[in-house]
Amino acid sequence: MEQLIIYDVSRQKIRIGRPYDGGYVVFDLQGGYDAIISAGISNDISFEQAVLNYHQVPCFLYDGNIECLPEKDSRIIFIRKHVGKEETETLSNLHGTLNPYSNVFMKINIKGHEFRLFPTFSEEQMKKIKQLVIEIHTPRDIQLYPAYYKGLSDITNDRMFDTLKKINRTHTLVHLHPHNGCKTHWVDGIMLPNVFECTFIRNDFVHTKQPNTGLIPQSIDMPNVPSLPIVLFDHYPFVFTASK
């Protein structure tokens, strides 16, 4: 469970993208980026456009569920592919796009296939990702909606935590936002959100860090679904207490 400890790294953070669902919290890191890679957009590219407004670099956007972008934007290269563990005519593991770059901003929202994708990355490839925004779809949510999460019935809590452990080797979890449109569940006596958004920054940009002591979600966050209540998380691992 320590893979979900959130750290305060004394860096400025902002929320960008559209209000409510589709916006994310990101951190200001010096030096910029050399590419943006985003997987999973549906009908909204407001977040990617917001990143591009700060960083004019190549932007590669993957989604196999749509025929074209919801709006034209000449700054974006659209690839109509799903993202997962292999490279085929209809599927990408992102290796070919990631490999030429060294400081990538990556956003991943691929509905459980994050647990297929990240095990394929080498440590060298992980270190190419300067900042990562990723939506985690827990095995519990996958079990609740098998028709939605097709082909993912083998994903377990161990697989989820192994994936998070891998990311934590090269990156630090600096923000976590529970999706209030989804349910919660219990793992080893700890309440977890069924779906949550994480922001990681590469460890060479972490000079000091302290475990988070404030309630989750934070004041900078917005609910994904404004008509639904927000569930507060005030316990380990999201909030560090003296007993831990």
C-alpha atoms as a PDB file:
ATOM      1  CA  MET A   1       0.000   0.000   0.000  1.00  0.00           C
ATOM      2  CA  GLU A   2       3.030   2.295   0.369  1.00  0.00           C
ATOM      3  CA  GLN A   3       2.924   2.681  -3.421  1.00  0.00           C
ATOM      4  CA  LEU A   4       0.026   5.108  -2.860  1.00  0.00           C
ATOM      5  CA  ILE A   5       1.780   7.438  -0.419  1.00  0.00           C
ATOM      6  CA  ILE A   6       1.498  10.970  -1.807  1.00  0.00           C
ATOM      7  CA  TYR A   7       4.435  13.330  -1.317  1.00  0.00           C
ATOM      8  CA  ASP A   8       4.615  17.093  -0.938  1.00  0.00           C
ATOM      9  CA  VAL A   9       7.622  18.143  -3.008  1.00  0.00           C
ATOM     10  CA  SER A  10       7.301  21.932  -2.578  1.00  0.00           C
ATOM     11  CA  ARG A  11       6.595  22.612  -6.249  1.00  0.00           C
ATOM     12  CA  GLN A  12       3.898  24.769  -7.808  1.00  0.00           C
ATOM     13  CA  LYS A  13       0.931  22.847  -9.164  1.00  0.00           C
ATOM     14  CA  ILE A  14      -2.018  23.882 -11.292  1.00  0.00           C
ATOM     15  CA  ARG A  15      -5.148  22.238 -12.621  1.00  0.00           C
ATOM     16  CA  ILE A  16      -5.509  22.401 -16.395  1.00  0.00           C
ATOM     17  CA  GLY A  17      -8.040  21.122 -18.922  1.00  0.00           C
ATOM     18  CA  ARG A  18     -11.790  21.508 -18.798  1.00  0.00           C
ATOM     19  CA  PRO A  19     -13.733  21.765 -15.510  1.00  0.00           C
ATOM     20  CA  TYR A  20     -14.781  18.557 -13.793  1.00  0.00           C
ATOM     21  CA  ASP A  21     -14.003  15.340 -15.684  1.00  0.00           C
ATOM     22  CA  GLY A  22     -11.157  15.769 -18.172  1.00  0.00           C
ATOM     23  CA  GLY A  23      -8.947  18.179 -16.221  1.00  0.00           C
ATOM     24  CA  TYR A  24      -5.891  17.126 -14.226  1.00  0.00           C
ATOM     25  CA  VAL A  25      -3.410  18.556 -11.722  1.00  0.00           C
ATOM     26  CA  VAL A  26       0.132  18.982 -13.044  1.00  0.00           C
ATOM     27  CA  PHE A  27       3.383  20.355 -11.671  1.00  0.00           C
ATOM     28  CA  ASP A  28       5.675  23.080 -12.963  1.00  0.00           C
ATOM     29  CA  LEU A  29       9.022  21.465 -13.817  1.00  0.00           C
ATOM     30  CA  GLN A  30      11.918  23.473 -15.167  1.00  0.00           C
ATOM     31  CA  GLY A  31      13.354  22.708 -18.570  1.00  0.00           C
ATOM     32  CA  GLY A  32      10.167  21.932 -20.466  1.00  0.00           C
ATOM     33  CA  TYR A  33       9.443  18.820 -22.517  1.00  0.00           C
ATOM     34  CA  ASP A  34      10.492  17.466 -25.887  1.00  0.00           C
ATOM     35  CA  ALA A  35       7.203  15.652 -26.617  1.00  0.00           C
ATOM     36  CA  ILE A  36       3.674  15.035 -25.345  1.00  0.00           C
ATOM     37  CA  ILE A  37       2.214  11.532 -25.554  1.00  0.00           C
ATOM     38  CA  SER A  38      -1.430  11.053 -24.603  1.00  0.00           C
ATOM     39  CA  ALA A  39      -3.489   7.864 -24.764  1.00  0.00           C
ATOM     40  CA  GLY A  40      -7.255   7.822 -24.299  1.00  0.00           C
ATOM     41  CA  ILE A  41      -9.222  11.005 -24.985  1.00  0.00           C
ATOM     42  CA  SER A  42     -12.782  10.104 -26.035  1.00  0.00           C
ATOM     43  CA  ASN A  43     -14.398  13.428 -27.028  1.00  0.00           C
ATOM     44  CA  ASP A  44     -12.170  15.851 -25.113  1.00  0.00           C
ATOM     45  CA  ILE A  45      -8.724  17.235 -25.931  1.00  0.00           C
ATOM     46  CA  SER A  46      -8.875  20.258 -23.607  1.00  0.00           C
ATOM     47  CA  PHE A  47      -6.128  18.870 -21.379  1.00  0.00           C
ATOM     48  CA  GLU A  48      -3.715  18.188 -24.228  1.00  0.00           C
ATOM     49  CA  GLN A  49      -4.417  21.619 -25.695  1.00  0.00           C
ATOM     50  CA  ALA A  50      -3.700  23.215 -22.318  1.00  0.00           C
ATOM     51  CA  VAL A  51      -0.336  21.436 -22.094  1.00  0.00           C
ATOM     52  CA  LEU A  52       0.455  22.546 -25.655  1.00  0.00           C
ATOM     53  CA  ASN A  53      -0.300  26.145 -24.709  1.00  0.00           C
ATOM     54  CA  TYR A  54       2.601  25.936 -22.254  1.00  0.00           C
ATOM     55  CA  HIS A  55       4.908  23.702 -24.306  1.00  0.00           C
ATOM     56  CA  GLN A  56       5.076  23.918 -28.106  1.00  0.00           C
ATOM     57  CA  VAL A  57       6.437  20.435 -28.803  1.00  0.00           C
ATOM     58  CA  PRO A  58       5.317  17.415 -30.871  1.00  0.00           C
ATOM     59  CA  CYS A  59       2.074  15.983 -29.475  1.00  0.00           C
ATOM     60  CA  PHE A  60       1.032  12.396 -30.217  1.00  0.00           C
ATOM     61  CA  LEU A  61      -2.499  11.421 -29.317  1.00  0.00           C
ATOM     62  CA  TYR A  62      -3.748   7.808 -29.351  1.00  0.00           C
ATOM     63  CA  ASP A  63      -7.321   6.553 -29.233  1.00  0.00           C
ATOM     64  CA  GLY A  64      -8.740   3.566 -31.086  1.00  0.00           C
ATOM     65  CA  ASN A  65     -12.330   4.329 -30.147  1.00  0.00           C
ATOM     66  CA  ILE A  66     -12.734   7.473 -32.239  1.00  0.00           C
ATOM     67  CA  GLU A  67     -12.324   8.115 -35.963  1.00  0.00           C
ATOM     68  CA  CYS A  68     -10.874  11.587 -35.614  1.00  0.00           C
ATOM     69  CA  LEU A  69     -10.206  14.326 -33.085  1.00  0.00           C
ATOM     70  CA  PRO A  70     -13.307  16.022 -31.620  1.00  0.00           C
ATOM     71  CA  GLU A  71     -11.947  19.264 -33.058  1.00  0.00           C
ATOM     72  CA  LYS A  72      -9.168  20.111 -35.487  1.00  0.00           C
ATOM     73  CA  ASP A  73      -5.832  21.118 -33.993  1.00  0.00           C
ATOM     74  CA  SER A  74      -2.796  21.249 -36.267  1.00  0.00           C
ATOM     75  CA  ARG A  75      -0.475  20.869 -33.277  1.00  0.00           C
ATOM     76  CA  ILE A  76      -1.673  17.303 -32.607  1.00  0.00           C
ATOM     77  CA  ILE A  77      -0.684  14.131 -34.448  1.00  0.00           C
ATOM     78  CA  PHE A  78      -3.600  11.711 -34.064  1.00  0.00           C
ATOM     79  CA  ILE A  79      -3.020   7.956 -34.199  1.00  0.00           C
ATOM     80  CA  ARG A  80      -6.167   5.853 -34.329  1.00  0.00           C
ATOM     81  CA  LYS A  81      -4.944   2.951 -32.217  1.00  0.00           C
ATOM     82  CA  HIS A  82      -5.689   1.426 -28.855  1.00  0.00           C
ATOM     83  CA  VAL A  83      -2.798   1.291 -26.383  1.00  0.00           C
ATOM     84  CA  GLY A  84      -1.604  -1.854 -24.623  1.00  0.00           C
ATOM     85  CA  LYS A  85       1.207  -4.384 -24.449  1.00  0.00           C
ATOM     86  CA  GLU A  86       1.819  -5.057 -28.159  1.00  0.00           C
ATOM     87  CA  GLU A  87       2.422  -3.255 -31.431  1.00  0.00           C
ATOM     88  CA  THR A  88      -0.033  -4.257 -34.190  1.00  0.00           C
ATOM     89  CA  GLU A  89      -2.128  -2.576 -36.875  1.00  0.00           C
ATOM     90  CA  THR A  90      -4.736  -1.570 -34.288  1.00  0.00           C
ATOM     91  CA  LEU A  91      -2.696  -1.516 -31.052  1.00  0.00           C
ATOM     92  CA  SER A  92       0.372   0.397 -29.858  1.00  0.00           C
ATOM     93  CA  ASN A  93       2.696  -0.090 -26.897  1.00  0.00           C
ATOM     94  CA  LEU A  94       4.029   3.461 -27.438  1.00  0.00           C
ATOM     95  CA  HIS A  95       7.660   2.297 -27.567  1.00  0.00           C
ATOM     96  CA  GLY A  96       8.308   3.681 -31.049  1.00  0.00           C
ATOM     97  CA  THR A  97       6.901   7.076 -30.111  1.00  0.00           C
ATOM     98  CA  LEU A  98       8.583   7.271 -26.706  1.00  0.00           C
ATOM     99  CA  ASN A  99      12.081   6.078 -27.614  1.00  0.00           C
ATOM    100  CA  PRO A 100      13.375   9.117 -29.572  1.00  0.00           C
ATOM    101  CA  TYR A 101      12.689  11.490 -26.675  1.00  0.00           C
ATOM    102  CA  SER A 102      14.175  12.138 -23.237  1.00  0.00           C
ATOM    103  CA  ASN A 103      11.717  14.419 -21.412  1.00  0.00           C
ATOM    104  CA  VAL A 104       8.162  13.400 -22.225  1.00  0.00           C
ATOM    105  CA  PHE A 105       4.895  14.599 -20.739  1.00  0.00           C
ATOM    106  CA  MET A 106       2.654  11.523 -20.752  1.00  0.00           C
ATOM    107  CA  LYS A 107      -1.054  11.186 -20.013  1.00  0.00           C
ATOM    108  CA  ILE A 108      -2.598   7.723 -19.831  1.00  0.00           C
ATOM    109  CA  ASN A 109      -6.329   6.989 -19.510  1.00  0.00           C
ATOM    110  CA  ILE A 110      -6.786   3.590 -21.144  1.00  0.00           C
ATOM    111  CA  LYS A 111      -9.392   1.919 -18.926  1.00  0.00           C
ATOM    112  CA  GLY A 112      -7.404  -0.809 -17.187  1.00  0.00           C
ATOM    113  CA  HIS A 113      -4.907  -1.401 -19.977  1.00  0.00           C
ATOM    114  CA  GLU A 114      -2.386   0.623 -17.964  1.00  0.00           C
ATOM    115  CA  PHE A 115      -1.661  -2.742 -16.327  1.00  0.00           C
ATOM    116  CA  ARG A 116      -0.787  -4.166 -19.760  1.00  0.00           C
ATOM    117  CA  LEU A 117       1.251  -1.177 -20.945  1.00  0.00           C
ATOM    118  CA  PHE A 118       3.611  -0.274 -18.113  1.00  0.00           C
ATOM    119  CA  PRO A 119       5.107  -3.743 -17.572  1.00  0.00           C
ATOM    120  CA  THR A 120       6.430  -3.492 -21.161  1.00  0.00           C
ATOM    121  CA  PHE A 121       8.526  -0.379 -20.427  1.00  0.00           C
ATOM    122  CA  SER A 122      12.187  -0.776 -19.503  1.00  0.00           C
ATOM    123  CA  GLU A 123      13.690   1.372 -16.753  1.00  0.00           C
ATOM    124  CA  GLU A 124      15.413   3.406 -19.458  1.00  0.00           C
ATOM    125  CA  GLN A 125      12.054   4.065 -21.107  1.00  0.00           C
ATOM    126  CA  MET A 126      10.444   4.965 -17.786  1.00  0.00           C
ATOM    127  CA  LYS A 127      13.152   7.573 -17.242  1.00  0.00           C
ATOM    128  CA  LYS A 128      12.173   9.242 -20.505  1.00  0.00           C
ATOM    129  CA  ILE A 129       8.858  10.220 -18.882  1.00  0.00           C
ATOM    130  CA  LYS A 130       9.392  13.512 -17.064  1.00  0.00           C
ATOM    131  CA  GLN A 131       5.813  13.874 -15.802  1.00  0.00           C
ATOM    132  CA  LEU A 132       3.072  11.257 -15.887  1.00  0.00           C
ATOM    133  CA  VAL A 133      -0.657  11.745 -15.421  1.00  0.00           C
ATOM    134  CA  ILE A 134      -2.400   8.397 -15.248  1.00  0.00           C
ATOM    135  CA  GLU A 135      -5.917   7.257 -14.413  1.00  0.00           C
ATOM    136  CA  ILE A 136      -5.877   4.001 -12.446  1.00  0.00           C
ATOM    137  CA  HIS A 137      -8.833   1.649 -12.902  1.00  0.00           C
ATOM    138  CA  THR A 138      -8.670  -0.806 -10.034  1.00  0.00           C
ATOM    139  CA  PRO A 139      -9.413  -4.530 -10.315  1.00  0.00           C
ATOM    140  CA  ARG A 140     -12.535  -3.890  -8.253  1.00  0.00           C
ATOM    141  CA  ASP A 141     -13.935  -1.537 -10.884  1.00  0.00           C
ATOM    142  CA  ILE A 142     -12.945  -4.000 -13.600  1.00  0.00           C
ATOM    143  CA  GLN A 143     -14.837  -6.764 -11.774  1.00  0.00           C
ATOM    144  CA  LEU A 144     -17.940  -4.584 -11.404  1.00  0.00           C
ATOM    145  CA  TYR A 145     -18.188  -3.809 -15.122  1.00  0.00           C
ATOM    146  CA  PRO A 146     -16.778  -6.773 -17.091  1.00  0.00           C
ATOM    147  CA  ALA A 147     -18.593  -5.804 -20.295  1.00  0.00           C
ATOM    148  CA  TYR A 148     -16.908  -2.384 -20.196  1.00  0.00           C
ATOM    149  CA  TYR A 149     -13.459  -3.713 -19.285  1.00  0.00           C
ATOM    150  CA  LYS A 150     -13.350  -6.493 -21.851  1.00  0.00           C
ATOM    151  CA  GLY A 151     -10.360  -8.834 -21.702  1.00  0.00           C
ATOM    152  CA  LEU A 152      -9.125  -7.617 -18.317  1.00  0.00           C
ATOM    153  CA  SER A 153     -10.595 -10.224 -15.951  1.00  0.00           C
ATOM    154  CA  ASP A 154      -7.081 -11.444 -15.068  1.00  0.00           C
ATOM    155  CA  ILE A 155      -6.066  -8.093 -13.540  1.00  0.00           C
ATOM    156  CA  THR A 156      -5.602  -8.507  -9.781  1.00  0.00           C
ATOM    157  CA  ASN A 157      -4.653  -6.231  -6.901  1.00  0.00           C
ATOM    158  CA  ASP A 158      -1.154  -7.713  -7.032  1.00  0.00           C
ATOM    159  CA  ARG A 159      -0.883  -6.671 -10.681  1.00  0.00           C
ATOM    160  CA  MET A 160      -2.062  -3.166  -9.823  1.00  0.00           C
ATOM    161  CA  PHE A 161       0.408  -2.740  -6.977  1.00  0.00           C
ATOM    162  CA  ASP A 162       3.246  -4.229  -9.040  1.00  0.00           C
ATOM    163  CA  THR A 163       2.547  -1.620 -11.726  1.00  0.00           C
ATOM    164  CA  LEU A 164       2.513   1.188  -9.165  1.00  0.00           C
ATOM    165  CA  LYS A 165       5.699  -0.163  -7.599  1.00  0.00           C
ATOM    166  CA  LYS A 166       7.408  -0.060 -10.995  1.00  0.00           C
ATOM    167  CA  ILE A 167       6.379   3.556 -11.565  1.00  0.00           C
ATOM    168  CA  ASN A 168       7.549   4.490  -8.061  1.00  0.00           C
ATOM    169  CA  ARG A 169      11.076   3.224  -8.778  1.00  0.00           C
ATOM    170  CA  THR A 170      11.707   6.091 -11.192  1.00  0.00           C
ATOM    171  CA  HIS A 171       8.993   8.577 -10.211  1.00  0.00           C
ATOM    172  CA  THR A 172       7.341  10.099  -7.139  1.00  0.00           C
ATOM    173  CA  LEU A 173       3.580  10.277  -6.581  1.00  0.00           C
ATOM    174  CA  VAL A 174       2.843  13.963  -6.007  1.00  0.00           C
ATOM    175  CA  HIS A 175      -0.929  14.158  -6.469  1.00  0.00           C
ATOM    176  CA  LEU A 176      -3.882  11.797  -6.284  1.00  0.00           C
ATOM    177  CA  HIS A 177      -7.501  12.575  -7.076  1.00  0.00           C
ATOM    178  CA  PRO A 178     -10.298  10.063  -6.365  1.00  0.00           C
ATOM    179  CA  HIS A 179     -12.916   9.831  -9.120  1.00  0.00           C
ATOM    180  CA  ASN A 180     -16.159  10.740  -7.337  1.00  0.00           C
ATOM    181  CA  GLY A 181     -18.268   9.219 -10.103  1.00  0.00           C
ATOM    182  CA  CYS A 182     -17.056   5.754  -9.153  1.00  0.00           C
ATOM    183  CA  LYS A 183     -17.465   3.707  -6.001  1.00  0.00           C
ATOM    184  CA  THR A 184     -15.026   2.792  -3.240  1.00  0.00           C
ATOM    185  CA  HIS A 185     -13.868  -0.573  -1.926  1.00  0.00           C
ATOM    186  CA  TRP A 186     -11.694  -2.056   0.800  1.00  0.00           C
ATOM    187  CA  VAL A 187      -8.290  -3.698   0.418  1.00  0.00           C
ATOM    188  CA  ASP A 188      -6.557  -5.051   3.538  1.00  0.00           C
ATOM    189  CA  GLY A 189      -8.799  -2.913   5.733  1.00  0.00           C
ATOM    190  CA  ILE A 190      -8.093   0.296   3.794  1.00  0.00           C
ATOM    191  CA  MET A 191     -10.707   2.147   1.753  1.00  0.00           C
ATOM    192  CA  LEU A 192      -9.606   2.849  -1.815  1.00  0.00           C
ATOM    193  CA  PRO A 193     -11.372   4.690  -4.631  1.00  0.00           C
ATOM    194  CA  ASN A 194     -12.353   2.393  -7.488  1.00  0.00           C
ATOM    195  CA  VAL A 195     -10.844   4.840  -9.970  1.00  0.00           C
ATOM    196  CA  PHE A 196      -8.281   7.530  -9.226  1.00  0.00           C
ATOM    197  CA  GLU A 197      -6.034   9.964 -11.088  1.00  0.00           C
ATOM    198  CA  CYS A 198      -2.336  10.130 -10.227  1.00  0.00           C
ATOM    199  CA  THR A 199       0.364  12.641 -11.075  1.00  0.00           C
ATOM    200  CA  PHE A 200       3.969  11.421 -10.935  1.00  0.00           C
ATOM    201  CA  ILE A 201       7.161  13.386 -11.548  1.00  0.00           C
ATOM    202  CA  ARG A 202      10.539  11.878 -12.332  1.00  0.00           C
ATOM    203  CA  ASN A 203      12.744  11.455  -9.290  1.00  0.00           C
ATOM    204  CA  ASP A 204      15.510  13.793 -10.495  1.00  0.00           C
ATOM    205  CA  PHE A 205      13.011  16.640 -10.055  1.00  0.00           C
ATOM    206  CA  VAL A 206      12.340  15.699  -6.425  1.00  0.00           C
ATOM    207  CA  HIS A 207      14.825  17.469  -4.156  1.00  0.00           C
ATOM    208  CA  THR A 208      12.860  17.370  -0.903  1.00  0.00           C
ATOM    209  CA  LYS A 209       9.723  15.444  -0.056  1.00  0.00           C
ATOM    210  CA  GLN A 210       7.398  14.924   2.872  1.00  0.00           C
ATOM    211  CA  PRO A 211       4.377  12.598   3.048  1.00  0.00           C
ATOM    212  CA  ASN A 212       1.081  14.386   2.494  1.00  0.00           C
ATOM    213  CA  THR A 213      -0.816  15.296   5.673  1.00  0.00           C
ATOM    214  CA  GLY A 214      -3.860  17.040   4.143  1.00  0.00           C
ATOM    215  CA  LEU A 215      -7.246  15.627   3.218  1.00  0.00           C
ATOM    216  CA  ILE A 216      -7.771  14.056  -0.200  1.00  0.00           C
ATOM    217  CA  PRO A 217      -9.136  15.433  -2.503  1.00  0.00           C
ATOM    218  CA  GLN A 218      -7.387  18.772  -2.093  1.00  0.00           C
ATOM    219  CA  SER A 219      -8.746  22.265  -2.639  1.00  0.00           C
ATOM    220  CA  ILE A 220      -7.188  22.440  -6.110  1.00  0.00           C
ATOM    221  CA  ASP A 221      -9.244  19.447  -7.252  1.00  0.00           C
ATOM    222  CA  MET A 222     -12.653  19.481  -8.910  1.00  0.00           C
ATOM    223  CA  PRO A 223     -15.198  16.659  -8.737  1.00  0.00           C
ATOM    224  CA  ASN A 224     -15.420  14.528 -11.871  1.00  0.00           C
ATOM    225  CA  VAL A 225     -19.207  14.547 -11.531  1.00  0.00           C
ATOM    226  CA  PRO A 226     -20.389  17.766  -9.821  1.00  0.00           C
ATOM    227  CA  SER A 227     -23.860  16.384  -9.078  1.00  0.00           C
ATOM    228  CA  LEU A 228     -22.456  13.554  -6.946  1.00  0.00           C
ATOM    229  CA  PRO A 229     -21.000  13.775  -3.428  1.00  0.00           C
ATOM    230  CA  ILE A 230     -17.268  13.866  -2.794  1.00  0.00           C
ATOM    231  CA  VAL A 231     -15.751  11.138  -0.620  1.00  0.00           C
ATOM    232  CA  LEU A 232     -12.967  12.393   1.649  1.00  0.00           C
ATOM    233  CA  PHE A 233      -9.920  10.232   2.273  1.00  0.00           C
ATOM    234  CA  ASP A 234      -8.261  11.023   5.592  1.00  0.00           C
ATOM    235  CA  HIS A 235      -6.297   7.842   6.185  1.00  0.00           C
ATOM    236  CA  TYR A 236      -3.115   6.023   5.235  1.00  0.00           C
ATOM    237  CA  PRO A 237      -1.702   5.801   2.593  1.00  0.00           C
ATOM    238  CA  PHE A 238      -3.291   8.997   1.240  1.00  0.00           C
ATOM    239  CA  VAL A 239      -2.820  10.983   4.445  1.00  0.00           C
ATOM    240  CA  PHE A 240       0.263  10.280   6.500  1.00  0.00           C
ATOM    241  CA  THR A 241      -0.268  10.111  10.256  1.00  0.00           C
ATOM    242  CA  ALA A 242       2.055   9.755  13.220  1.00  0.00           C
ATOM    243  CA  SER A 243       1.089   6.098  13.540  1.00  0.00           C
ATOM    244  CA  LYS A 244       2.615   5.345  10.140  1.00  0.00           C
END
